Amino acid sequence: MTTSIAIRINRELYDHARTEARAEHRTIAGQIEFWASVGRAAIDNPDLPVSFITESLASLAEPREEATPFIPRSQNQPA
């Protein structure tokens, strides 16, 4: 079970998170948590592009039943 706590953040950051949260179908808290995850992963993996980290974390959050199975190109080519 995850517990939550209240924190103070800059109003401009809150407003930006609200806008992004709407576009990404997240809660405001979820958006800020996502940004924190991206930042932490970027610090831990400085050689990876932030866009790769962002897309990877977003894909991990998608429901598995909506995932598209990976099919290597070698299996798509006619025999």
C-alpha atoms as a PDB file:
ATOM      1  CA  MET A   1       0.000   0.000   0.000  1.00  0.00           C
ATOM      2  CA  THR A   2       1.318   3.415  -0.930  1.00  0.00           C
ATOM      3  CA  THR A   3       0.914   6.262   1.497  1.00  0.00           C
ATOM      4  CA  SER A   4       0.872   9.887   0.473  1.00  0.00           C
ATOM      5  CA  ILE A   5       2.081  13.074   2.076  1.00  0.00           C
ATOM      6  CA  ALA A   6       1.449  16.722   1.341  1.00  0.00           C
ATOM      7  CA  ILE A   7       4.270  18.830  -0.089  1.00  0.00           C
ATOM      8  CA  ARG A   8       4.590  22.426  -1.196  1.00  0.00           C
ATOM      9  CA  ILE A   9       5.562  23.132  -4.786  1.00  0.00           C
ATOM     10  CA  ASN A  10       5.840  26.230  -6.906  1.00  0.00           C
ATOM     11  CA  ARG A  11       2.497  27.326  -8.392  1.00  0.00           C
ATOM     12  CA  GLU A  12       3.990  27.551 -11.875  1.00  0.00           C
ATOM     13  CA  LEU A  13       5.173  23.919 -11.637  1.00  0.00           C
ATOM     14  CA  TYR A  14       1.720  22.873 -10.393  1.00  0.00           C
ATOM     15  CA  ASP A  15      -0.009  24.650 -13.297  1.00  0.00           C
ATOM     16  CA  HIS A  16       2.381  23.090 -15.808  1.00  0.00           C
ATOM     17  CA  ALA A  17       1.806  19.647 -14.259  1.00  0.00           C
ATOM     18  CA  ARG A  18      -1.959  20.144 -14.484  1.00  0.00           C
ATOM     19  CA  THR A  19      -1.717  20.948 -18.201  1.00  0.00           C
ATOM     20  CA  GLU A  20       0.558  17.997 -18.919  1.00  0.00           C
ATOM     21  CA  ALA A  21      -1.544  15.675 -16.740  1.00  0.00           C
ATOM     22  CA  ARG A  22      -4.637  16.436 -18.812  1.00  0.00           C
ATOM     23  CA  ALA A  23      -2.770  15.729 -22.045  1.00  0.00           C
ATOM     24  CA  GLU A  24      -1.275  12.493 -20.710  1.00  0.00           C
ATOM     25  CA  HIS A  25      -4.438  11.288 -18.918  1.00  0.00           C
ATOM     26  CA  ARG A  26      -2.772  11.335 -15.495  1.00  0.00           C
ATOM     27  CA  THR A  27      -3.584  12.956 -12.202  1.00  0.00           C
ATOM     28  CA  ILE A  28      -1.529  16.002 -11.264  1.00  0.00           C
ATOM     29  CA  ALA A  29       0.224  13.949  -8.588  1.00  0.00           C
ATOM     30  CA  GLY A  30       0.770  11.182 -11.133  1.00  0.00           C
ATOM     31  CA  GLN A  31       2.349  13.658 -13.561  1.00  0.00           C
ATOM     32  CA  ILE A  32       4.734  14.991 -10.941  1.00  0.00           C
ATOM     33  CA  GLU A  33       5.601  11.425  -9.895  1.00  0.00           C
ATOM     34  CA  PHE A  34       6.259  10.584 -13.569  1.00  0.00           C
ATOM     35  CA  TRP A  35       8.581  13.588 -13.911  1.00  0.00           C
ATOM     36  CA  ALA A  36      10.398  12.540 -10.742  1.00  0.00           C
ATOM     37  CA  SER A  37      10.811   9.007 -12.127  1.00  0.00           C
ATOM     38  CA  VAL A  38      12.176  10.364 -15.405  1.00  0.00           C
ATOM     39  CA  GLY A  39      14.593  12.628 -13.554  1.00  0.00           C
ATOM     40  CA  ARG A  40      15.791   9.833 -11.283  1.00  0.00           C
ATOM     41  CA  ALA A  41      16.262   7.465 -14.233  1.00  0.00           C
ATOM     42  CA  ALA A  42      18.120  10.172 -16.192  1.00  0.00           C
ATOM     43  CA  ILE A  43      20.510  10.744 -13.292  1.00  0.00           C
ATOM     44  CA  ASP A  44      21.040   6.985 -12.897  1.00  0.00           C
ATOM     45  CA  ASN A  45      21.564   6.518 -16.674  1.00  0.00           C
ATOM     46  CA  PRO A  46      23.334   9.633 -17.985  1.00  0.00           C
ATOM     47  CA  ASP A  47      24.193   7.960 -21.309  1.00  0.00           C
ATOM     48  CA  LEU A  48      20.541   7.414 -22.253  1.00  0.00           C
ATOM     49  CA  PRO A  49      18.549  10.143 -24.040  1.00  0.00           C
ATOM     50  CA  VAL A  50      15.763  11.564 -21.893  1.00  0.00           C
ATOM     51  CA  SER A  51      13.277  10.865 -24.691  1.00  0.00           C
ATOM     52  CA  PHE A  52      14.177   7.145 -24.511  1.00  0.00           C
ATOM     53  CA  ILE A  53      13.743   7.146 -20.728  1.00  0.00           C
ATOM     54  CA  THR A  54      10.403   8.950 -20.997  1.00  0.00           C
ATOM     55  CA  GLU A  55       9.046   6.569 -23.629  1.00  0.00           C
ATOM     56  CA  SER A  56      10.305   3.510 -21.732  1.00  0.00           C
ATOM     57  CA  LEU A  57       8.701   4.574 -18.453  1.00  0.00           C
ATOM     58  CA  ALA A  58       5.444   5.472 -20.206  1.00  0.00           C
ATOM     59  CA  SER A  59       5.330   2.081 -21.913  1.00  0.00           C
ATOM     60  CA  LEU A  60       5.911   0.290 -18.612  1.00  0.00           C
ATOM     61  CA  ALA A  61       2.867   2.065 -17.213  1.00  0.00           C
ATOM     62  CA  GLU A  62       0.571   0.894 -20.021  1.00  0.00           C
ATOM     63  CA  PRO A  63      -1.773  -2.006 -19.241  1.00  0.00           C
ATOM     64  CA  ARG A  64      -0.272  -5.235 -20.575  1.00  0.00           C
ATOM     65  CA  GLU A  65      -3.546  -6.301 -22.202  1.00  0.00           C
ATOM     66  CA  GLU A  66      -3.268  -3.244 -24.495  1.00  0.00           C
ATOM     67  CA  ALA A  67       0.347  -3.974 -25.452  1.00  0.00           C
ATOM     68  CA  THR A  68       1.301  -4.885 -29.005  1.00  0.00           C
ATOM     69  CA  PRO A  69       3.416  -8.034 -29.101  1.00  0.00           C
ATOM     70  CA  PHE A  70       6.940  -7.647 -30.453  1.00  0.00           C
ATOM     71  CA  ILE A  71       7.493  -9.555 -33.690  1.00  0.00           C
ATOM     72  CA  PRO A  72      11.056  -9.542 -35.047  1.00  0.00           C
ATOM     73  CA  ARG A  73      11.353  -8.414 -38.672  1.00  0.00           C
ATOM     74  CA  SER A  74      12.880 -11.753 -39.634  1.00  0.00           C
ATOM     75  CA  GLN A  75       9.517 -13.390 -38.856  1.00  0.00           C
ATOM     76  CA  ASN A  76       7.565 -10.916 -41.007  1.00  0.00           C
ATOM     77  CA  GLN A  77       9.403 -11.662 -44.239  1.00  0.00           C
ATOM     78  CA  PRO A  78       7.917 -14.175 -46.700  1.00  0.00           C
ATOM     79  CA  ALA A  79       9.741 -17.465 -47.028  1.00  0.00           C
END
